[in-house]
């Protein structure tokens, strides 16, 4: 339709549509992100760390500009690289990137080829430096390291793609860590599709724990994970590094026997009411180096005759069993973080045959997610701090404007009928007032 010079609408023949409006943009809210980017030194931190193997003798688009362009395309909701071909002369994007025209899809595709394991690690280092800056600004008393794995579907003959029995499909099996209190994306590792949940988890989380213990010794570290992470090496690491942990255990005959000693399945006095109990015991599996505290949650749902038992291993010594389980259950918010990173930032969009390029794409999604999360948690009003990216795009980013040039300035005239203009200007004001070192 964009190639048609003009289209007349049938319901009202006086209305004509065309794509020749001139210097207009539908993504004016990206300026708020760019302003916030400058405040926290986001782009500059990435530039300081990222050094690509670039053999180009001549180029129009620097690696720094290509990186920024891709990140801002993701934030605006343009998941495909070829969206750049339509955004080439967009007045907002060209000002955000700082170039007369955006790079084309082939330029973006070639950009990914310049990454290797070293440059991927550089992006991880940049993300950690930014996390440290935000952590120092927030000054939280605790950091909740929530571990999980997720699935990314693949199609065709993609490198390291394999069948995952749990998900019942072909793909990759990324390992992820979020801060359960803030939603910050701490780290991610792309893995082949057939590896088990806990594969490489100690090597994954150990540098993270050691970093925070060294840089922020006053911050208490908490780690939570489901039964897929119930491995003794992880318990040993946490105990060695003074990290509190709650990890769900897989049920076995011995644990079930212990639970039934506390609450045998007898006929309830009132079958219509749910019963729930919390107990604790000292338990040592054969693979454990020592006995550990285990919490038993026994629930008999209304209308049922038998208890369902859940088990949690923890090194919390003074927290009551019920509160320990409640603390574990707060880990459920991580499912929302994963869902948003996938649906809103295309974290699971694996469209390359190369495993490494897919890992680069995943890392860029992580960075775009974090920039958005820091903006909303630091600058949004309290009631809007949990706003999802699709709502943020609707209310903040997707704003129509027209560019008017004068001798010295560029005026972006926002739509007079913009419904959320009060919210827009409030966020912009908060960003410009933000004081962060």
Protein backbone atom coordinates (compact mmCIF):
# COMPACT_ATOMS: atom_id res chain seq x y z
CA UNK A 1 0.00 0.00 0.00
CA UNK A 2 2.92 2.35 0.66
CA UNK A 3 3.73 2.37 -3.06
CA UNK A 4 0.33 3.76 -4.03
CA UNK A 5 0.38 7.52 -4.61
CA UNK A 6 -3.16 7.90 -3.21
CA UNK A 7 -6.09 5.80 -2.02
CA UNK A 8 -9.73 6.89 -1.83
CA UNK A 9 -11.85 5.41 0.97
CA UNK A 10 -15.16 3.84 0.00
CA UNK A 11 -17.16 4.91 3.06
CA UNK A 12 -16.36 8.57 2.31
CA UNK A 13 -15.05 9.35 -1.17
CA UNK A 14 -13.80 12.74 -0.03
CA UNK A 15 -11.11 11.09 2.12
CA UNK A 16 -7.77 10.40 0.38
CA UNK A 17 -4.84 8.53 1.95
CA UNK A 18 -1.22 8.78 0.83
CA UNK A 19 2.33 8.33 2.16
CA UNK A 20 3.69 11.72 1.12
CA UNK A 21 3.18 13.61 4.38
CA UNK A 22 6.78 14.76 4.58
CA UNK A 23 8.87 15.04 7.75
CA UNK A 24 6.53 13.15 10.07
CA UNK A 25 7.24 10.46 12.65
CA UNK A 26 5.08 8.10 14.68
CA UNK A 27 7.75 7.42 17.33
CA UNK A 28 8.39 10.78 18.97
CA UNK A 29 8.45 9.20 22.44
CA UNK A 30 11.84 7.71 21.56
CA UNK A 31 13.27 11.13 22.46
CA UNK A 32 12.42 10.41 26.12
CA UNK A 33 14.45 7.22 25.96
CA UNK A 34 17.35 9.02 24.28
CA UNK A 35 17.26 11.73 26.96
CA UNK A 36 17.27 9.07 29.67
CA UNK A 37 20.03 7.21 27.80
CA UNK A 38 22.21 10.32 28.07
CA UNK A 39 21.37 10.79 31.77
CA UNK A 40 22.62 7.35 32.80
CA UNK A 41 25.38 7.12 30.19
CA UNK A 42 23.80 4.07 28.57
CA UNK A 43 25.09 4.41 25.01
CA UNK A 44 28.42 5.79 26.13
CA UNK A 45 28.99 2.80 28.43
CA UNK A 46 28.28 0.41 25.57
CA UNK A 47 30.64 2.33 23.29
CA UNK A 48 33.39 2.29 25.94
CA UNK A 49 33.24 -1.49 26.25
CA UNK A 50 32.41 -2.75 22.77
CA UNK A 51 35.36 -3.25 20.41
CA UNK A 52 34.43 -5.20 17.28
CA UNK A 53 36.69 -6.82 14.72
CA UNK A 54 35.92 -4.35 11.97
CA UNK A 55 37.97 -4.70 8.79
CA UNK A 56 35.96 -2.17 6.78
CA UNK A 57 38.18 0.37 5.04
CA UNK A 58 35.25 2.70 4.38
CA UNK A 59 31.83 2.89 5.95
CA UNK A 60 28.86 5.22 6.36
CA UNK A 61 27.56 3.75 9.61
CA UNK A 62 29.78 3.20 12.63
CA UNK A 63 29.33 0.16 14.87
CA UNK A 64 28.21 2.48 17.66
CA UNK A 65 25.43 3.93 15.51
CA UNK A 66 24.37 0.50 14.27
CA UNK A 67 24.15 -0.74 17.86
CA UNK A 68 22.08 2.25 18.95
CA UNK A 69 19.82 1.97 15.90
CA UNK A 70 19.03 -1.68 16.60
CA UNK A 71 18.34 -1.06 20.29
CA UNK A 72 15.96 1.81 19.57
CA UNK A 73 14.19 -0.17 16.87
CA UNK A 74 13.57 -2.94 19.43
CA UNK A 75 12.26 -0.45 21.99
CA UNK A 76 9.88 1.05 19.42
CA UNK A 77 8.54 -2.41 18.56
CA UNK A 78 10.29 -3.04 15.25
CA UNK A 79 11.60 -6.56 15.67
CA UNK A 80 12.64 -7.14 12.07
CA UNK A 81 15.89 -5.69 10.73
CA UNK A 82 14.21 -4.72 7.47
CA UNK A 83 12.06 -2.18 9.33
CA UNK A 84 15.13 0.02 8.90
CA UNK A 85 14.38 0.28 5.18
CA UNK A 86 11.12 2.12 5.94
CA UNK A 87 12.66 4.16 8.77
CA UNK A 88 15.62 5.38 6.67
CA UNK A 89 14.65 9.05 6.76
CA UNK A 90 12.45 9.07 9.85
CA UNK A 91 13.13 12.47 11.48
CA UNK A 92 13.05 11.13 15.06
CA UNK A 93 15.27 8.10 14.48
CA UNK A 94 17.84 10.04 12.47
CA UNK A 95 18.19 12.58 15.31
CA UNK A 96 18.40 9.85 17.97
CA UNK A 97 21.09 7.96 16.05
CA UNK A 98 22.80 11.15 14.93
CA UNK A 99 23.05 10.31 11.23
CA UNK A 100 21.48 11.81 8.06
CA UNK A 101 19.89 8.43 7.30
CA UNK A 102 19.54 5.09 9.04
CA UNK A 103 21.45 1.99 8.04
CA UNK A 104 19.63 -0.47 5.80
CA UNK A 105 18.74 -4.07 6.63
CA UNK A 106 21.87 -5.49 4.91
CA UNK A 107 24.08 -3.16 6.96
CA UNK A 108 22.43 -4.37 10.18
CA UNK A 109 22.82 -8.00 9.14
CA UNK A 110 26.53 -7.51 8.43
CA UNK A 111 26.89 -5.77 11.79
CA UNK A 112 26.08 -9.02 13.65
CA UNK A 113 28.86 -10.83 11.78
CA UNK A 114 31.48 -8.65 13.46
CA UNK A 115 30.71 -10.08 16.90
CA UNK A 116 32.63 -12.89 18.56
CA UNK A 117 32.81 -14.38 22.07
CA UNK A 118 35.03 -11.52 23.25
CA UNK A 119 32.66 -8.78 22.05
CA UNK A 120 29.69 -10.61 23.58
CA UNK A 121 31.52 -10.60 26.90
CA UNK A 122 32.15 -6.87 26.43
CA UNK A 123 28.40 -6.29 26.17
CA UNK A 124 27.92 -8.30 29.36
CA UNK A 125 30.52 -6.14 31.08
CA UNK A 126 28.77 -2.98 29.88
CA UNK A 127 25.44 -4.28 31.16
CA UNK A 128 27.02 -5.04 34.55
CA UNK A 129 28.56 -1.56 34.77
CA UNK A 130 25.15 -0.03 34.10
CA UNK A 131 23.50 -2.37 36.63
CA UNK A 132 26.08 -1.24 39.19
CA UNK A 133 25.34 2.42 38.51
CA UNK A 134 21.59 1.91 38.94
CA UNK A 135 22.13 -0.30 42.01
CA UNK A 136 24.30 2.39 43.63
CA UNK A 137 21.62 4.99 42.90
CA UNK A 138 18.77 2.89 44.34
CA UNK A 139 20.80 1.76 47.39
CA UNK A 140 18.70 -1.36 48.04
CA UNK A 141 19.35 -3.49 51.12
CA UNK A 142 18.97 -6.74 49.17
CA UNK A 143 19.37 -8.22 45.71
CA UNK A 144 17.15 -11.17 44.76
CA UNK A 145 18.82 -13.34 42.13
CA UNK A 146 15.98 -15.29 40.55
CA UNK A 147 17.13 -18.09 38.27
CA UNK A 148 15.11 -19.73 35.54
CA UNK A 149 15.37 -21.23 32.09
CA UNK A 150 13.09 -20.62 29.16
CA UNK A 151 12.65 -21.82 25.60
CA UNK A 152 13.25 -20.19 22.24
CA UNK A 153 11.71 -21.89 19.23
CA UNK A 154 13.82 -22.50 16.15
CA UNK A 155 12.84 -23.41 12.61
CA UNK A 156 14.89 -25.26 10.04
CA UNK A 157 18.53 -26.21 10.29
CA UNK A 158 19.78 -23.77 12.93
CA UNK A 159 23.11 -24.30 14.67
CA UNK A 160 22.84 -26.05 18.10
CA UNK A 161 19.05 -26.24 17.84
CA UNK A 162 17.78 -29.44 19.41
CA UNK A 163 14.68 -31.12 20.78
CA UNK A 164 13.71 -30.23 24.34
CA UNK A 165 11.58 -32.95 25.93
CA UNK A 166 10.13 -30.63 28.59
CA UNK A 167 8.78 -28.13 26.07
CA UNK A 168 8.17 -30.77 23.40
CA UNK A 169 9.64 -28.73 20.57
CA UNK A 170 12.87 -27.81 18.77
CA UNK A 171 14.81 -24.77 19.90
CA UNK A 172 17.30 -23.28 22.34
CA UNK A 173 17.21 -23.38 26.14
CA UNK A 174 18.45 -20.01 27.53
CA UNK A 175 19.43 -19.60 31.18
CA UNK A 176 18.38 -16.25 32.68
CA UNK A 177 18.73 -14.31 35.93
CA UNK A 178 16.61 -11.34 37.02
CA UNK A 179 16.53 -9.17 40.12
CA UNK A 180 13.24 -10.27 41.64
CA UNK A 181 12.73 -6.93 43.40
CA UNK A 182 13.30 -4.53 40.49
CA UNK A 183 12.88 -6.63 37.35
CA UNK A 184 16.41 -5.79 36.17
CA UNK A 185 17.78 -8.34 33.70
CA UNK A 186 21.02 -9.44 35.35
CA UNK A 187 22.37 -11.98 32.91
CA UNK A 188 21.50 -14.46 30.17
CA UNK A 189 23.23 -17.38 28.52
CA UNK A 190 22.03 -18.99 25.29
CA UNK A 191 22.32 -22.80 25.37
CA UNK A 192 21.50 -25.67 23.00
CA UNK A 193 17.95 -26.91 23.20
CA UNK A 194 18.64 -30.30 24.73
CA UNK A 195 20.62 -29.28 27.84
CA UNK A 196 19.09 -29.78 31.29
CA UNK A 197 17.83 -26.76 33.27
CA UNK A 198 20.74 -26.65 35.72
CA UNK A 199 23.44 -27.25 33.13
CA UNK A 200 26.21 -24.71 33.75
CA UNK A 201 24.26 -22.84 36.43
CA UNK A 202 27.15 -22.63 38.92
CA UNK A 203 29.52 -21.21 36.28
CA UNK A 204 26.72 -18.84 35.22
CA UNK A 205 25.85 -17.40 38.62
CA UNK A 206 29.21 -17.54 40.43
CA UNK A 207 30.74 -14.43 38.72
CA UNK A 208 27.52 -12.54 39.46
CA UNK A 209 27.59 -13.42 43.16
CA UNK A 210 31.31 -12.70 43.52
CA UNK A 211 30.87 -9.35 41.78
CA UNK A 212 28.11 -8.11 44.08
CA UNK A 213 29.87 -9.40 47.19
CA UNK A 214 32.97 -7.46 46.17
CA UNK A 215 31.41 -4.23 44.85
CA UNK A 216 28.38 -4.03 47.18
CA UNK A 217 29.33 -5.91 50.36
CA UNK A 218 26.57 -4.13 52.28
CA UNK A 219 23.88 -5.65 50.03
CA UNK A 220 22.38 -8.95 51.18
CA UNK A 221 22.15 -11.50 48.37
CA UNK A 222 19.22 -13.90 48.03
CA UNK A 223 18.94 -16.64 45.42
CA UNK A 224 15.74 -18.43 44.40
CA UNK A 225 15.21 -21.24 41.93
CA UNK A 226 12.77 -23.99 41.07
CA UNK A 227 13.48 -27.72 41.32
CA UNK A 228 15.47 -27.68 38.09
CA UNK A 229 18.23 -25.89 40.03
CA UNK A 230 18.26 -28.29 42.98
CA UNK A 231 21.93 -29.22 42.61
CA UNK A 232 24.32 -29.56 45.60
CA UNK A 233 27.05 -27.51 43.90
CA UNK A 234 24.72 -24.49 43.88
CA UNK A 235 23.96 -24.88 47.61
CA UNK A 236 27.69 -25.15 48.34
CA UNK A 237 28.41 -22.01 46.30
CA UNK A 238 25.75 -19.99 48.13
CA UNK A 239 26.94 -21.15 51.54
CA UNK A 240 30.55 -20.37 50.66
CA UNK A 241 29.66 -16.87 49.41
CA UNK A 242 27.17 -16.09 52.25
CA UNK A 243 24.18 -16.00 49.92
CA UNK A 244 20.75 -16.89 51.30
CA UNK A 245 18.89 -19.34 49.09
CA UNK A 246 15.50 -21.03 48.74
CA UNK A 247 15.34 -23.74 46.11
CA UNK A 248 12.45 -26.09 45.52
CA UNK A 249 13.26 -29.79 45.72
CA UNK A 250 11.96 -32.57 43.56
CA UNK A 251 9.81 -34.98 45.52
CA UNK A 252 11.13 -38.41 46.34
CA UNK A 253 10.02 -41.36 48.49
CA UNK A 254 12.05 -40.29 51.51
CA UNK A 255 10.71 -36.72 51.48
CA UNK A 256 7.16 -37.98 50.99
CA UNK A 257 7.62 -40.30 53.96
CA UNK A 258 8.81 -37.40 56.12
CA UNK A 259 5.83 -35.27 55.07
CA UNK A 260 3.33 -38.04 55.83
CA UNK A 261 4.71 -38.34 59.34
CA UNK A 262 3.65 -34.76 59.96
CA UNK A 263 0.33 -34.91 58.12
CA UNK A 264 -0.99 -38.36 57.23
CA UNK A 265 -3.89 -38.45 54.79
CA UNK A 266 -6.85 -39.05 57.06
CA UNK A 267 -10.49 -38.18 56.51
CA UNK A 268 -10.82 -34.41 57.14
CA UNK A 269 -13.38 -33.04 59.58
CA UNK A 270 -14.70 -30.70 56.85
CA UNK A 271 -13.85 -31.80 53.32
CA UNK A 272 -15.16 -28.50 51.89
CA UNK A 273 -12.31 -26.49 53.45
CA UNK A 274 -8.70 -26.33 52.32
CA UNK A 275 -6.01 -27.26 54.82
CA UNK A 276 -2.46 -25.91 54.62
CA UNK A 277 0.46 -26.61 56.96
CA UNK A 278 4.12 -25.66 57.08
CA UNK A 279 6.74 -27.79 58.79
CA UNK A 280 10.52 -27.95 58.85
CA UNK A 281 13.00 -30.78 59.18
CA UNK A 282 16.68 -31.54 58.76
CA UNK A 283 17.34 -33.67 55.72
CA UNK A 284 20.39 -34.90 53.83
CA UNK A 285 20.21 -36.43 50.37
CA UNK A 286 22.92 -38.89 49.36
CA UNK A 287 24.54 -36.33 47.05
CA UNK A 288 24.68 -33.59 49.70
CA UNK A 289 27.85 -32.83 51.66
CA UNK A 290 25.88 -32.15 54.86
CA UNK A 291 22.33 -32.04 56.31
CA UNK A 292 20.26 -28.99 55.43
CA UNK A 293 17.04 -27.34 56.53
CA UNK A 294 14.04 -28.39 54.45
CA UNK A 295 10.60 -26.76 54.57
CA UNK A 296 7.54 -28.93 53.90
CA UNK A 297 4.34 -27.33 52.63
CA UNK A 298 1.36 -29.68 52.93
CA UNK A 299 -1.86 -28.64 51.21
CA UNK A 300 -5.14 -30.55 51.11
CA UNK A 301 -7.37 -28.75 48.57
CA UNK A 302 -11.08 -28.40 49.27
CA UNK A 303 -12.92 -31.51 48.20
CA UNK A 304 -9.79 -33.70 48.30
CA UNK A 305 -8.84 -36.48 50.74
CA UNK A 306 -5.05 -36.43 50.26
CA UNK A 307 -2.33 -33.88 50.92
CA UNK A 308 -0.04 -32.49 48.23
CA UNK A 309 3.46 -31.88 49.57
CA UNK A 310 6.05 -29.39 48.31
CA UNK A 311 9.65 -29.26 49.58
CA UNK A 312 12.15 -26.39 49.77
CA UNK A 313 15.80 -26.46 50.81
CA UNK A 314 17.13 -23.28 52.40
CA UNK A 315 19.91 -21.88 54.56
CA UNK A 316 17.54 -19.42 56.26
CA UNK A 317 17.88 -20.29 59.92
CA UNK A 318 15.47 -17.97 61.74
CA UNK A 319 12.70 -17.36 59.19
CA UNK A 320 9.52 -19.34 60.04
CA UNK A 321 8.57 -22.06 57.53
CA UNK A 322 5.48 -20.23 56.28
CA UNK A 323 7.42 -17.02 55.63
CA UNK A 324 10.13 -18.99 53.84
CA UNK A 325 7.59 -20.45 51.42
CA UNK A 326 5.99 -17.03 50.93
CA UNK A 327 9.42 -15.60 50.09
CA UNK A 328 9.92 -18.33 47.50
CA UNK A 329 6.49 -17.74 45.97
CA UNK A 330 7.40 -14.12 45.21
CA UNK A 331 9.74 -15.58 42.63
CA UNK A 332 6.61 -15.98 40.49
CA UNK A 333 6.97 -12.39 39.28
CA UNK A 334 9.94 -13.59 37.25
CA UNK A 335 7.55 -15.30 34.87
CA UNK A 336 6.19 -11.84 34.02
CA UNK A 337 9.71 -10.54 33.37
CA UNK A 338 10.49 -13.43 31.04
CA UNK A 339 7.17 -13.02 29.26
CA UNK A 340 7.79 -9.31 28.70
CA UNK A 341 11.35 -9.85 27.49
CA UNK A 342 10.04 -12.34 24.94
CA UNK A 343 6.78 -10.71 23.82
CA UNK A 344 7.89 -7.10 24.15
CA UNK A 345 11.62 -7.21 23.34
CA UNK A 346 11.84 -10.34 21.13
CA UNK A 347 14.31 -12.09 23.45
CA UNK A 348 13.36 -15.47 21.98
CA UNK A 349 13.40 -14.41 18.33
CA UNK A 350 16.06 -16.70 16.88
CA UNK A 351 16.01 -16.02 13.14
CA UNK A 352 19.63 -16.72 12.18
CA UNK A 353 21.29 -20.01 11.27
CA UNK A 354 24.28 -18.96 13.39
CA UNK A 355 24.14 -19.73 17.12
CA UNK A 356 26.45 -16.80 17.89
CA UNK A 357 24.37 -14.27 15.93
CA UNK A 358 21.28 -15.47 17.79
CA UNK A 359 23.18 -14.91 21.02
CA UNK A 360 24.01 -11.35 19.91
CA UNK A 361 20.34 -10.70 19.14
CA UNK A 362 19.40 -12.06 22.56
CA UNK A 363 21.91 -9.76 24.24
CA UNK A 364 20.58 -6.70 22.41
CA UNK A 365 17.06 -7.59 23.55
CA UNK A 366 18.37 -7.80 27.12
CA UNK A 367 19.91 -4.32 26.86
CA UNK A 368 16.77 -2.81 25.33
CA UNK A 369 14.72 -4.39 28.12
CA UNK A 370 16.99 -2.96 30.81
CA UNK A 371 16.99 0.59 29.39
CA UNK A 372 13.19 0.48 29.42
CA UNK A 373 13.03 -1.04 32.90
CA UNK A 374 15.38 1.56 34.36
CA UNK A 375 13.34 4.36 32.79
CA UNK A 376 10.05 3.14 34.23
CA UNK A 377 11.40 2.24 37.70
CA UNK A 378 13.36 5.48 38.13
CA UNK A 379 11.16 8.03 36.35
CA UNK A 380 7.58 6.75 36.18
CA UNK A 381 5.01 7.71 38.85
CA UNK A 382 4.50 5.01 41.48
CA UNK A 383 1.26 3.69 39.99
CA UNK A 384 2.83 3.31 36.53
CA UNK A 385 6.09 1.62 37.54
CA UNK A 386 4.72 -1.81 36.60
CA UNK A 387 3.51 -0.68 33.18
CA UNK A 388 4.30 -3.21 30.44
CA UNK A 389 6.19 -2.31 27.28
CA UNK A 390 3.14 -2.55 25.01
CA UNK A 391 1.35 0.02 27.17
CA UNK A 392 4.50 2.17 27.27
CA UNK A 393 4.61 2.13 23.48
CA UNK A 394 0.96 3.13 23.26
CA UNK A 395 1.13 5.93 25.82
CA UNK A 396 4.67 7.20 25.47
CA UNK A 397 6.45 6.13 22.28
CA UNK A 398 3.83 6.03 19.53
CA UNK A 399 3.35 9.80 19.36
CA UNK A 400 2.89 11.54 16.00
CA UNK A 401 4.93 14.67 15.33
CA UNK A 402 5.91 16.91 12.43
CA UNK A 403 9.41 18.29 11.99
CA UNK A 404 9.70 22.03 11.37
CA UNK A 405 13.19 23.41 10.73
CA UNK A 406 14.36 26.90 11.51
CA UNK A 407 17.78 28.45 11.08
CA UNK A 408 19.08 27.15 14.43
CA UNK A 409 16.57 24.62 15.77
CA UNK A 410 14.54 21.57 14.93
CA UNK A 411 10.96 21.77 16.17
CA UNK A 412 9.04 18.51 16.58
CA UNK A 413 5.38 19.48 16.73
CA UNK A 414 3.46 16.77 18.60
CA UNK A 415 -0.09 15.92 17.68
CA UNK A 416 -2.59 18.27 19.34
CA UNK A 417 -4.99 15.35 19.87
CA UNK A 418 -2.41 13.14 21.63
CA UNK A 419 -4.44 11.54 24.44
CA UNK A 420 -1.55 10.87 26.84
CA UNK A 421 0.28 14.18 26.50
CA UNK A 422 0.16 14.93 30.24
CA UNK A 423 1.88 11.61 30.99
CA UNK A 424 4.42 12.25 28.22
CA UNK A 425 5.50 15.63 29.56
CA UNK A 426 5.57 14.39 33.17
CA UNK A 427 8.01 11.62 32.26
CA UNK A 428 10.17 13.96 30.22
CA UNK A 429 10.28 16.37 33.15
CA UNK A 430 11.24 13.57 35.56
CA UNK A 431 14.01 12.39 33.25
CA UNK A 432 15.53 15.86 32.95
CA UNK A 433 15.45 16.32 36.73
CA UNK A 434 17.07 12.94 37.42
CA UNK A 435 20.43 13.26 39.12
CA UNK A 436 22.54 10.12 38.73
CA UNK A 437 26.30 9.76 38.74
